[in-house]
C-alpha atoms as a PDB file:
ATOM      1  CA  MET A   1     -10.033 -36.205   9.612  1.00  0.00           C
ATOM      2  CA  GLN A   2     -10.368 -36.062   5.713  1.00  0.00           C
ATOM      3  CA  ARG A   3      -8.136 -33.181   3.879  1.00  0.00           C
ATOM      4  CA  THR A   4      -8.545 -32.322   0.269  1.00  0.00           C
ATOM      5  CA  PRO A   5      -5.050 -30.145   0.096  1.00  0.00           C
ATOM      6  CA  GLN A   6      -5.423 -28.500  -2.827  1.00  0.00           C
ATOM      7  CA  PHE A   7      -1.697 -27.970  -5.166  1.00  0.00           C
ATOM      8  CA  ILE A   8      -1.598 -24.567  -6.835  1.00  0.00           C
ATOM      9  CA  THR A   9       1.326 -25.320  -9.914  1.00  0.00           C
ATOM     10  CA  GLY A  10       2.486 -22.146 -11.834  1.00  0.00           C
ATOM     11  CA  GLU A  11       0.031 -19.365 -12.368  1.00  0.00           C
ATOM     12  CA  PHE A  12      -3.824 -20.204 -12.866  1.00  0.00           C
ATOM     13  CA  THR A  13      -6.582 -17.208 -13.548  1.00  0.00           C
ATOM     14  CA  PRO A  14     -10.197 -18.648 -13.566  1.00  0.00           C
ATOM     15  CA  ARG A  15     -12.383 -18.478 -16.838  1.00  0.00           C
ATOM     16  CA  HIS A  16     -15.846 -19.233 -15.760  1.00  0.00           C
ATOM     17  CA  CYS A  17     -18.405 -18.916 -18.051  1.00  0.00           C
ATOM     18  CA  PHE A  18     -21.945 -20.046 -18.711  1.00  0.00           C
ATOM     19  CA  LEU A  19     -22.462 -22.859 -21.210  1.00  0.00           C
ATOM     20  CA  PRO A  20     -26.210 -23.343 -22.840  1.00  0.00           C
ATOM     21  CA  ASP A  21     -27.701 -27.119 -22.159  1.00  0.00           C
ATOM     22  CA  ASP A  22     -26.823 -29.054 -25.058  1.00  0.00           C
ATOM     23  CA  GLU A  23     -23.276 -27.898 -24.943  1.00  0.00           C
ATOM     24  CA  TYR A  24     -23.059 -28.126 -21.104  1.00  0.00           C
ATOM     25  CA  GLY A  25     -24.266 -31.908 -21.966  1.00  0.00           C
ATOM     26  CA  ARG A  26     -21.418 -32.523 -24.663  1.00  0.00           C
ATOM     27  CA  CYS A  27     -18.764 -31.256 -21.980  1.00  0.00           C
ATOM     28  CA  LEU A  28     -20.671 -33.950 -19.051  1.00  0.00           C
ATOM     29  CA  ASP A  29     -20.492 -36.466 -22.110  1.00  0.00           C
ATOM     30  CA  THR A  30     -16.582 -36.315 -21.720  1.00  0.00           C
ATOM     31  CA  VAL A  31     -15.665 -35.283 -18.461  1.00  0.00           C
ATOM     32  CA  VAL A  32     -15.643 -36.351 -14.909  1.00  0.00           C
ATOM     33  CA  LYS A  33     -17.032 -33.242 -12.732  1.00  0.00           C
ATOM     34  CA  ALA A  34     -15.976 -32.134  -9.289  1.00  0.00           C
ATOM     35  CA  CYS A  35     -18.695 -31.455  -6.943  1.00  0.00           C
ATOM     36  CA  SER A  36     -18.607 -30.264  -3.084  1.00  0.00           C
ATOM     37  CA  ASP A  37     -21.539 -31.985  -1.383  1.00  0.00           C
ATOM     38  CA  VAL A  38     -22.669 -30.714   1.969  1.00  0.00           C
ATOM     39  CA  LEU A  39     -24.291 -33.260   5.098  1.00  0.00           C
ATOM     40  CA  VAL A  40     -25.617 -30.587   7.061  1.00  0.00           C
ATOM     41  CA  THR A  41     -26.327 -32.062  10.803  1.00  0.00           C
ATOM     42  CA  ASP A  42     -27.316 -30.596  14.138  1.00  0.00           C
ATOM     43  CA  ALA A  43     -24.620 -30.020  16.856  1.00  0.00           C
ATOM     44  CA  SER A  44     -24.299 -33.639  17.820  1.00  0.00           C
ATOM     45  CA  GLY A  45     -24.733 -35.376  15.006  1.00  0.00           C
ATOM     46  CA  SER A  46     -27.977 -37.435  15.864  1.00  0.00           C
ATOM     47  CA  LYS A  47     -30.144 -35.513  13.118  1.00  0.00           C
ATOM     48  CA  VAL A  48     -29.196 -34.744   9.483  1.00  0.00           C
ATOM     49  CA  PHE A  49     -30.809 -32.176   7.625  1.00  0.00           C
ATOM     50  CA  LEU A  50     -31.626 -33.388   3.921  1.00  0.00           C
ATOM     51  CA  GLY A  51     -33.348 -32.303   0.876  1.00  0.00           C
ATOM     52  CA  GLN A  52     -35.782 -33.369  -1.256  1.00  0.00           C
ATOM     53  CA  ARG A  53     -34.360 -32.478  -4.870  1.00  0.00           C
ATOM     54  CA  LYS A  54     -37.342 -32.777  -7.969  1.00  0.00           C
ATOM     55  CA  VAL A  55     -34.365 -32.470 -10.775  1.00  0.00           C
ATOM     56  CA  GLU A  56     -31.573 -35.230 -11.931  1.00  0.00           C
ATOM     57  CA  PRO A  57     -29.270 -36.909 -11.570  1.00  0.00           C
ATOM     58  CA  GLN A  58     -31.155 -37.751  -7.793  1.00  0.00           C
ATOM     59  CA  PRO A  59     -34.827 -36.689  -7.415  1.00  0.00           C
ATOM     60  CA  ASP A  60     -34.666 -37.780  -3.604  1.00  0.00           C
ATOM     61  CA  TRP A  61     -33.376 -37.256  -0.532  1.00  0.00           C
ATOM     62  CA  TRP A  62     -29.973 -35.852  -0.524  1.00  0.00           C
ATOM     63  CA  TYR A  63     -27.143 -33.426   0.147  1.00  0.00           C
ATOM     64  CA  ILE A  64     -27.142 -29.570   0.127  1.00  0.00           C
ATOM     65  CA  GLY A  65     -24.482 -28.984  -2.754  1.00  0.00           C
ATOM     66  CA  GLY A  66     -23.038 -28.952  -6.555  1.00  0.00           C
ATOM     67  CA  ARG A  67     -20.468 -29.100  -8.614  1.00  0.00           C
ATOM     68  CA  SER A  68     -16.766 -27.025  -7.965  1.00  0.00           C
ATOM     69  CA  LYS A  69     -15.565 -24.165 -10.340  1.00  0.00           C
ATOM     70  CA  PRO A  70     -12.222 -24.309 -11.636  1.00  0.00           C
ATOM     71  CA  GLY A  71      -9.600 -22.944  -8.786  1.00  0.00           C
ATOM     72  CA  GLU A  72     -12.011 -23.350  -5.934  1.00  0.00           C
ATOM     73  CA  THR A  73     -10.973 -25.540  -3.306  1.00  0.00           C
ATOM     74  CA  PRO A  74     -13.315 -27.771  -1.955  1.00  0.00           C
ATOM     75  CA  GLU A  75     -14.399 -25.741   1.310  1.00  0.00           C
ATOM     76  CA  ALA A  76     -14.868 -22.387  -0.755  1.00  0.00           C
ATOM     77  CA  ALA A  77     -17.024 -24.765  -3.466  1.00  0.00           C
ATOM     78  CA  ALA A  78     -18.854 -25.667  -0.353  1.00  0.00           C
ATOM     79  CA  ALA A  79     -19.555 -22.647   1.176  1.00  0.00           C
ATOM     80  CA  ARG A  80     -20.987 -21.161  -2.170  1.00  0.00           C
ATOM     81  CA  ASN A  81     -22.835 -24.243  -2.730  1.00  0.00           C
ATOM     82  CA  VAL A  82     -24.604 -23.042   0.618  1.00  0.00           C
ATOM     83  CA  ARG A  83     -25.276 -19.383  -0.301  1.00  0.00           C
ATOM     84  CA  ARG A  84     -27.055 -20.581  -3.636  1.00  0.00           C
ATOM     85  CA  GLU A  85     -29.013 -23.250  -2.128  1.00  0.00           C
ATOM     86  CA  LEU A  86     -30.107 -22.089   1.346  1.00  0.00           C
ATOM     87  CA  LYS A  87     -28.923 -18.734   1.135  1.00  0.00           C
ATOM     88  CA  LEU A  88     -26.791 -18.763   4.127  1.00  0.00           C
ATOM     89  CA  ASP A  89     -23.328 -17.127   4.365  1.00  0.00           C
ATOM     90  CA  LEU A  90     -21.202 -18.997   6.140  1.00  0.00           C
ATOM     91  CA  PRO A  91     -17.000 -18.662   6.944  1.00  0.00           C
ATOM     92  CA  LEU A  92     -15.093 -21.468   5.619  1.00  0.00           C
ATOM     93  CA  GLU A  93     -13.911 -23.202   8.665  1.00  0.00           C
ATOM     94  CA  ARG A  94     -17.454 -24.606   9.394  1.00  0.00           C
ATOM     95  CA  PHE A  95     -17.060 -27.042   6.539  1.00  0.00           C
ATOM     96  CA  GLU A  96     -15.523 -30.179   7.657  1.00  0.00           C
ATOM     97  CA  VAL A  97     -14.456 -32.352   5.066  1.00  0.00           C
ATOM     98  CA  VAL A  98     -15.244 -35.781   6.151  1.00  0.00           C
ATOM     99  CA  ALA A  99     -15.058 -37.933   2.704  1.00  0.00           C
ATOM    100  CA  ASN A 100     -14.511 -38.555  -1.233  1.00  0.00           C
ATOM    101  CA  TYR A 101     -16.769 -40.279  -3.105  1.00  0.00           C
ATOM    102  CA  SER A 102     -16.969 -41.579  -6.540  1.00  0.00           C
ATOM    103  CA  PHE A 103     -20.587 -41.078  -8.329  1.00  0.00           C
ATOM    104  CA  VAL A 104     -21.977 -42.726 -11.574  1.00  0.00           C
ATOM    105  CA  TRP A 105     -25.603 -41.809 -12.853  1.00  0.00           C
ATOM    106  CA  GLN A 106     -27.418 -43.404 -15.281  1.00  0.00           C
ATOM    107  CA  PHE A 107     -29.724 -39.966 -15.614  1.00  0.00           C
ATOM    108  CA  ARG A 108     -29.054 -35.974 -15.517  1.00  0.00           C
ATOM    109  CA  GLN A 109     -30.710 -33.076 -16.161  1.00  0.00           C
ATOM    110  CA  GLN A 110     -29.116 -32.007 -19.461  1.00  0.00           C
ATOM    111  CA  PRO A 111     -30.360 -33.649 -22.190  1.00  0.00           C
ATOM    112  CA  PRO A 112     -30.019 -36.347 -23.250  1.00  0.00           C
ATOM    113  CA  ALA A 113     -30.945 -37.328 -20.094  1.00  0.00           C
ATOM    114  CA  GLY A 114     -30.211 -41.166 -20.886  1.00  0.00           C
ATOM    115  CA  ASN A 115     -26.237 -40.088 -21.409  1.00  0.00           C
ATOM    116  CA  GLY A 116     -26.141 -39.891 -17.424  1.00  0.00           C
ATOM    117  CA  THR A 117     -22.977 -38.073 -15.619  1.00  0.00           C
ATOM    118  CA  ALA A 118     -20.296 -38.952 -13.236  1.00  0.00           C
ATOM    119  CA  ASP A 119     -19.057 -36.874 -10.628  1.00  0.00           C
ATOM    120  CA  ILE A 120     -16.104 -36.933  -8.394  1.00  0.00           C
ATOM    121  CA  SER A 121     -17.719 -35.634  -5.134  1.00  0.00           C
ATOM    122  CA  THR A 122     -15.865 -34.157  -1.624  1.00  0.00           C
ATOM    123  CA  VAL A 123     -18.564 -34.249   1.124  1.00  0.00           C
ATOM    124  CA  HIS A 124     -18.520 -31.710   3.821  1.00  0.00           C
ATOM    125  CA  ARG A 125     -20.123 -31.957   7.295  1.00  0.00           C
ATOM    126  CA  LEU A 126     -21.729 -28.681   8.294  1.00  0.00           C
ATOM    127  CA  ALA A 127     -23.182 -27.815  11.469  1.00  0.00           C
ATOM    128  CA  LEU A 128     -26.047 -25.882  12.022  1.00  0.00           C
ATOM    129  CA  GLY A 129     -28.413 -25.016  14.555  1.00  0.00           C
ATOM    130  CA  ASP A 130     -32.142 -24.892  14.346  1.00  0.00           C
ATOM    131  CA  ALA A 131     -32.688 -21.298  14.287  1.00  0.00           C
ATOM    132  CA  GLU A 132     -29.873 -21.253  10.994  1.00  0.00           C
ATOM    133  CA  VAL A 133     -32.290 -23.610   9.179  1.00  0.00           C
ATOM    134  CA  ALA A 134     -34.687 -21.529   9.945  1.00  0.00           C
ATOM    135  CA  GLY A 135     -33.449 -18.602   8.431  1.00  0.00           C
ATOM    136  CA  ALA A 136     -32.692 -20.744   4.940  1.00  0.00           C
ATOM    137  CA  VAL A 137     -34.255 -19.881   1.947  1.00  0.00           C
ATOM    138  CA  PHE A 138     -34.421 -23.284  -0.365  1.00  0.00           C
ATOM    139  CA  ASP A 139     -34.806 -22.992  -4.037  1.00  0.00           C
ATOM    140  CA  GLU A 140     -38.535 -24.707  -5.140  1.00  0.00           C
ATOM    141  CA  LYS A 141     -37.501 -25.461  -8.245  1.00  0.00           C
ATOM    142  CA  GLU A 142     -34.700 -27.731  -7.026  1.00  0.00           C
ATOM    143  CA  TYR A 143     -36.449 -29.006  -3.278  1.00  0.00           C
ATOM    144  CA  ALA A 144     -39.533 -30.718  -3.202  1.00  0.00           C
ATOM    145  CA  ALA A 145     -39.392 -30.575   0.386  1.00  0.00           C
ATOM    146  CA  THR A 146     -36.725 -30.516   3.260  1.00  0.00           C
ATOM    147  CA  LYS A 147     -36.603 -31.640   6.466  1.00  0.00           C
ATOM    148  CA  TRP A 148     -34.364 -33.241   9.873  1.00  0.00           C
ATOM    149  CA  TRP A 149     -34.283 -36.528   9.752  1.00  0.00           C
ATOM    150  CA  PRO A 150     -32.467 -38.813  12.801  1.00  0.00           C
ATOM    151  CA  ALA A 151     -29.313 -40.182  12.042  1.00  0.00           C
ATOM    152  CA  GLU A 152     -30.388 -43.739  13.274  1.00  0.00           C
ATOM    153  CA  ASP A 153     -33.541 -43.389  10.274  1.00  0.00           C
ATOM    154  CA  VAL A 154     -31.601 -43.068   7.638  1.00  0.00           C
ATOM    155  CA  LEU A 155     -29.001 -45.805   8.165  1.00  0.00           C
ATOM    156  CA  SER A 156     -32.242 -47.985   8.971  1.00  0.00           C
ATOM    157  CA  GLY A 157     -34.225 -46.474   6.026  1.00  0.00           C
ATOM    158  CA  ASP A 158     -34.336 -46.310   2.281  1.00  0.00           C
ATOM    159  CA  PHE A 159     -32.032 -43.991   1.025  1.00  0.00           C
ATOM    160  CA  HIS A 160     -29.111 -43.774  -1.085  1.00  0.00           C
ATOM    161  CA  PRO A 161     -26.008 -45.747   0.479  1.00  0.00           C
ATOM    162  CA  ALA A 162     -23.824 -42.989   0.054  1.00  0.00           C
ATOM    163  CA  LEU A 163     -25.899 -41.066   2.522  1.00  0.00           C
ATOM    164  CA  LYS A 164     -25.869 -43.579   4.726  1.00  0.00           C
ATOM    165  CA  GLN A 165     -21.778 -43.976   4.418  1.00  0.00           C
ATOM    166  CA  ALA A 166     -21.497 -40.248   4.959  1.00  0.00           C
ATOM    167  CA  ILE A 167     -23.179 -40.398   8.539  1.00  0.00           C
ATOM    168  CA  ARG A 168     -20.733 -43.638   9.136  1.00  0.00           C
ATOM    169  CA  ASP A 169     -17.854 -41.187   7.741  1.00  0.00           C
ATOM    170  CA  VAL A 170     -18.625 -38.299   9.980  1.00  0.00           C
ATOM    171  CA  ARG A 171     -19.504 -40.129  12.747  1.00  0.00           C
ATOM    172  CA  ALA A 172     -15.322 -41.605  12.450  1.00  0.00           C
ATOM    173  CA  ALA A 173     -14.243 -37.860  11.720  1.00  0.00           C
ATOM    174  CA  ASP A 174     -15.582 -37.562  15.315  1.00  0.00           C
ATOM    175  CA  ALA A 175     -14.381 -40.280  17.194  1.00  0.00           C
ATOM    176  CA  PHE A 176     -10.603 -39.249  15.760  1.00  0.00           C
ATOM    177  CA  LYS A 177     -11.462 -35.956  16.784  1.00  0.00           C
ATOM    178  CA  ARG A 178     -11.615 -37.116  20.133  1.00  0.00           C
ATOM    179  CA  LEU A 179      -8.619 -38.875  20.039  1.00  0.00           C
ATOM    180  CA  ARG A 180      -6.840 -36.176  18.849  1.00  0.00           C
ATOM    181  CA  GLU A 181      -8.121 -34.009  21.477  1.00  0.00           C
ATOM    182  CA  LEU A 182      -7.177 -36.309  24.028  1.00  0.00           C
ATOM    183  CA  VAL A 183      -3.376 -37.263  22.801  1.00  0.00           C
ATOM    184  CA  VAL A 184      -2.930 -32.994  22.785  1.00  0.00           C
ATOM    185  CA  ALA A 185      -4.186 -32.655  25.565  1.00  0.00           C
ATOM    186  CA  GLY A 186      -2.161 -34.700  27.583  1.00  0.00           C
ATOM    187  CA  GLY A 187      -4.897 -36.994  28.869  1.00  0.00           C
ATOM    188  CA  ALA A 188      -4.352 -40.198  30.419  1.00  0.00           C
ATOM    189  CA  ASP A 189      -2.815 -43.446  28.834  1.00  0.00           C
ATOM    190  CA  ALA A 190      -6.368 -45.297  29.680  1.00  0.00           C
ATOM    191  CA  ASP A 191      -8.594 -42.516  27.978  1.00  0.00           C
ATOM    192  CA  VAL A 192      -6.080 -42.414  25.328  1.00  0.00           C
ATOM    193  CA  ALA A 193      -6.819 -46.249  24.776  1.00  0.00           C
ATOM    194  CA  THR A 194     -10.670 -46.398  25.129  1.00  0.00           C
ATOM    195  CA  ALA A 195     -10.640 -43.483  22.141  1.00  0.00           C
ATOM    196  CA  ALA A 196      -7.969 -45.396  20.104  1.00  0.00           C
ATOM    197  CA  ARG A 197     -10.199 -48.257  20.043  1.00  0.00           C
ATOM    198  CA  MET A 198     -13.865 -46.092  19.821  1.00  0.00           C
ATOM    199  CA  LEU A 199     -11.815 -45.130  16.851  1.00  0.00           C
ATOM    200  CA  VAL A 200     -11.224 -48.641  15.519  1.00  0.00           C
ATOM    201  CA  GLU A 201     -14.652 -49.416  15.938  1.00  0.00           C
ATOM    202  CA  THR A 202     -16.675 -46.720  14.181  1.00  0.00           C
ATOM    203  CA  ALA A 203     -14.196 -47.010  11.128  1.00  0.00           C
ATOM    204  CA  GLY A 204     -14.480 -50.336  10.851  1.00  0.00           C
ATOM    205  CA  ALA A 205     -18.288 -50.377  11.144  1.00  0.00           C
ATOM    206  CA  ARG A 206     -17.840 -47.998   8.169  1.00  0.00           C
ATOM    207  CA  ASP A 207     -15.857 -49.933   5.989  1.00  0.00           C
ATOM    208  CA  ALA A 208     -17.759 -53.209   7.041  1.00  0.00           C
ATOM    209  CA  ALA A 209     -20.930 -51.193   5.695  1.00  0.00           C
ATOM    210  CA  VAL A 210     -19.390 -50.103   2.196  1.00  0.00           C
ATOM    211  CA  ASP A 211     -18.379 -54.457   2.360  1.00  0.00           C
ATOM    212  CA  ALA A 212     -21.706 -55.179   3.040  1.00  0.00           C
ATOM    213  CA  LEU A 213     -23.046 -53.449  -0.157  1.00  0.00           C
ATOM    214  CA  GLY A 214     -20.964 -55.014  -2.011  1.00  0.00           C
ATOM    215  CA  GLY A 215     -17.638 -52.616  -2.322  1.00  0.00           C
ATOM    216  CA  ALA A 216     -15.584 -55.253  -0.789  1.00  0.00           C
ATOM    217  CA  ASP A 217     -11.685 -54.825  -2.225  1.00  0.00           C
ATOM    218  CA  GLY A 218     -12.355 -51.853  -4.105  1.00  0.00           C
ATOM    219  CA  ALA A 219     -15.460 -53.103  -6.818  1.00  0.00           C
ATOM    220  CA  PRO A 220     -18.152 -50.149  -7.028  1.00  0.00           C
ATOM    221  CA  VAL A 221     -21.340 -50.439  -5.940  1.00  0.00           C
ATOM    222  CA  ALA A 222     -24.397 -51.076  -8.318  1.00  0.00           C
ATOM    223  CA  VAL A 223     -27.221 -48.957  -7.066  1.00  0.00           C
ATOM    224  CA  SER A 224     -30.930 -49.321  -8.101  1.00  0.00           C
ATOM    225  CA  PHE A 225     -34.006 -47.868  -6.992  1.00  0.00           C
ATOM    226  CA  ALA A 226     -37.593 -48.943  -8.015  1.00  0.00           C
ATOM    227  CA  ASN A 227     -40.987 -48.128  -6.509  1.00  0.00           C
ATOM    228  CA  GLY A 228     -39.265 -46.169  -3.155  1.00  0.00           C
ATOM    229  CA  ARG A 229     -36.625 -48.843  -2.551  1.00  0.00           C
ATOM    230  CA  TYR A 230     -33.132 -48.474  -2.945  1.00  0.00           C
ATOM    231  CA  THR A 231     -31.329 -52.084  -3.644  1.00  0.00           C
ATOM    232  CA  TYR A 232     -27.647 -52.834  -3.715  1.00  0.00           C
ATOM    233  CA  ARG A 233     -25.259 -55.639  -5.322  1.00  0.00           C
ATOM    234  CA  ARG A 234     -21.516 -55.485  -6.241  1.00  0.00           C
ATOM    235  CA  ALA A 235     -21.158 -53.992  -9.889  1.00  0.00           C
ATOM    236  CA  ALA A 236     -20.363 -56.756 -12.539  1.00  0.00           C
END
């Protein structure tokens, strides 16, 4: 199971302020921003709830989420982003860290759009019920549509590879939790061995998928999107 510990050294007081687009754009030219994103699933993890964004840097099906603020834990930032984007007020323990990703984008919403932006994203899994999703209120300025997708359709379809990777990371996290629960409960050795094998196989499939995209040996994966299709290759 992933964790993102926060270490606060000395006394820190957040000093949040709003930056106009031109000033924020200059900041984006010089810093890598931290984001807390959320892959919404059903209880079983067999379906994922995605938003079709209208705005850069990813105007397509994507996570719920956004940037973190100084001093926030990743879980607190994820909960705040869900309150902002879905109007759902949920406790922090509902947000489970599953991965940390690095993103580099050609375009951004703030001018000059072609300067792009870069993020470090902590991705969380949030399991929601149908009633909770039905009560969500989406920002129509940011989302063109929302939809429950079968996880297998995302894995086999034309979606950004980071969404596919998050589903694989969720499955690996679930396999680890099953193994840990068996060990803590004093489960039979045969059951523990079966769960351990499942964890190794699930994590292996996750890592092999990155290698197949061109990301073997830690190389970045170059992603292109044109005519509604994604293509991937090993970055030069």
